[in-house]
Amino acid sequence: DYMFDHTTIIAEDDPGLGGFKTMDNLGIIQLRIIPAVGAEQFAKYIYEKLNTFIQEETEGRVKIARVEFMEHAKNTAIYEG
């Protein structure tokens, strides 16, 4: 919920980042900054965050095999660790 529910996600190198930070400071948006955006980058980001969490919670007994991220039916990406 924190990362994706009703948020604005921007790449850390976005040229408009300053304006988004201003809107966040004013309470207009809930800004999340990540290294890169796009379906492929979201799939990798989710995989890395989720796999770390799952491995910690299960003491290494379970790991994520792959993540599929879909922007819409014509734009998907799969990341496998």
Protein backbone atom coordinates (compact mmCIF):
# COMPACT_ATOMS: atom_id res chain seq x y z
CA ASP A 1 0.00 0.00 0.00
CA TYR A 2 2.75 2.47 0.93
CA MET A 3 4.48 2.28 -2.45
CA PHE A 4 1.64 1.90 -4.92
CA ASP A 5 -1.76 2.83 -3.49
CA HIS A 6 -2.72 6.42 -4.39
CA THR A 7 0.89 7.51 -4.90
CA THR A 8 2.97 9.29 -7.51
CA ILE A 9 6.08 7.32 -8.42
CA ILE A 10 8.98 9.16 -10.03
CA ALA A 11 12.46 8.09 -11.11
CA GLU A 12 15.26 9.65 -9.11
CA ASP A 13 16.68 11.22 -12.27
CA ASP A 14 13.37 12.73 -13.48
CA PRO A 15 13.97 16.33 -14.61
CA GLY A 16 10.73 17.45 -12.93
CA LEU A 17 11.57 15.90 -9.56
CA GLY A 18 11.81 19.27 -7.81
CA GLY A 19 8.23 20.13 -8.71
CA PHE A 20 6.98 16.76 -7.52
CA LYS A 21 8.83 17.22 -4.23
CA THR A 22 7.14 20.61 -3.81
CA MET A 23 3.70 19.04 -4.40
CA ASP A 24 4.54 16.31 -1.90
CA ASN A 25 5.60 18.88 0.71
CA LEU A 26 2.31 20.73 0.17
CA GLY A 27 0.32 17.51 0.66
CA ILE A 28 -0.99 17.49 -2.91
CA ILE A 29 0.56 14.12 -3.78
CA GLN A 30 2.17 11.21 -1.98
CA LEU A 31 5.55 10.99 -3.69
CA ARG A 32 7.63 7.86 -3.99
CA ILE A 33 11.07 8.06 -5.60
CA ILE A 34 12.70 4.97 -7.06
CA PRO A 35 15.83 4.42 -9.19
CA ALA A 36 13.95 3.98 -12.48
CA VAL A 37 10.41 3.57 -13.84
CA GLY A 38 8.82 1.52 -16.62
CA ALA A 39 7.32 -1.95 -16.61
CA GLU A 40 10.69 -3.71 -16.60
CA GLN A 41 12.04 -1.59 -13.76
CA PHE A 42 8.86 -1.97 -11.69
CA ALA A 43 9.01 -5.76 -12.08
CA LYS A 44 12.64 -5.78 -10.91
CA TYR A 45 11.95 -3.36 -8.03
CA ILE A 46 8.97 -5.40 -6.78
CA TYR A 47 10.92 -8.65 -7.11
CA GLU A 48 13.86 -7.34 -5.09
CA LYS A 49 11.72 -5.80 -2.33
CA LEU A 50 9.32 -8.74 -2.07
CA ASN A 51 11.99 -11.42 -2.26
CA THR A 52 14.01 -9.78 0.53
CA PHE A 53 10.89 -9.55 2.73
CA ILE A 54 9.79 -13.15 2.03
CA GLN A 55 13.25 -14.57 2.68
CA GLU A 56 13.51 -12.70 5.99
CA GLU A 57 10.01 -13.74 7.10
CA THR A 58 10.57 -17.41 6.22
CA GLU A 59 14.20 -17.56 7.38
CA GLY A 60 15.31 -18.40 3.85
CA ARG A 61 12.83 -21.26 3.28
CA VAL A 62 10.85 -19.44 0.56
CA LYS A 63 11.95 -17.22 -2.29
CA ILE A 64 10.15 -15.45 -5.11
CA ALA A 65 10.70 -17.09 -8.49
CA ARG A 66 9.42 -14.29 -10.71
CA VAL A 67 7.30 -11.18 -10.83
CA GLU A 68 5.04 -10.10 -13.68
CA PHE A 69 4.15 -6.43 -13.80
CA MET A 70 1.34 -5.21 -16.04
CA GLU A 71 0.73 -1.58 -16.91
CA HIS A 72 -2.09 -2.73 -19.18
CA ALA A 73 -2.76 -5.72 -21.46
CA LYS A 74 -0.26 -4.57 -24.10
CA ASN A 75 2.59 -3.61 -21.76
CA THR A 76 3.87 -6.23 -19.34
CA ALA A 77 7.27 -7.26 -18.04
CA ILE A 78 8.53 -10.32 -16.21
CA TYR A 79 11.57 -10.32 -13.92
CA GLU A 80 13.17 -13.55 -12.75
CA GLY A 81 15.89 -13.57 -10.13
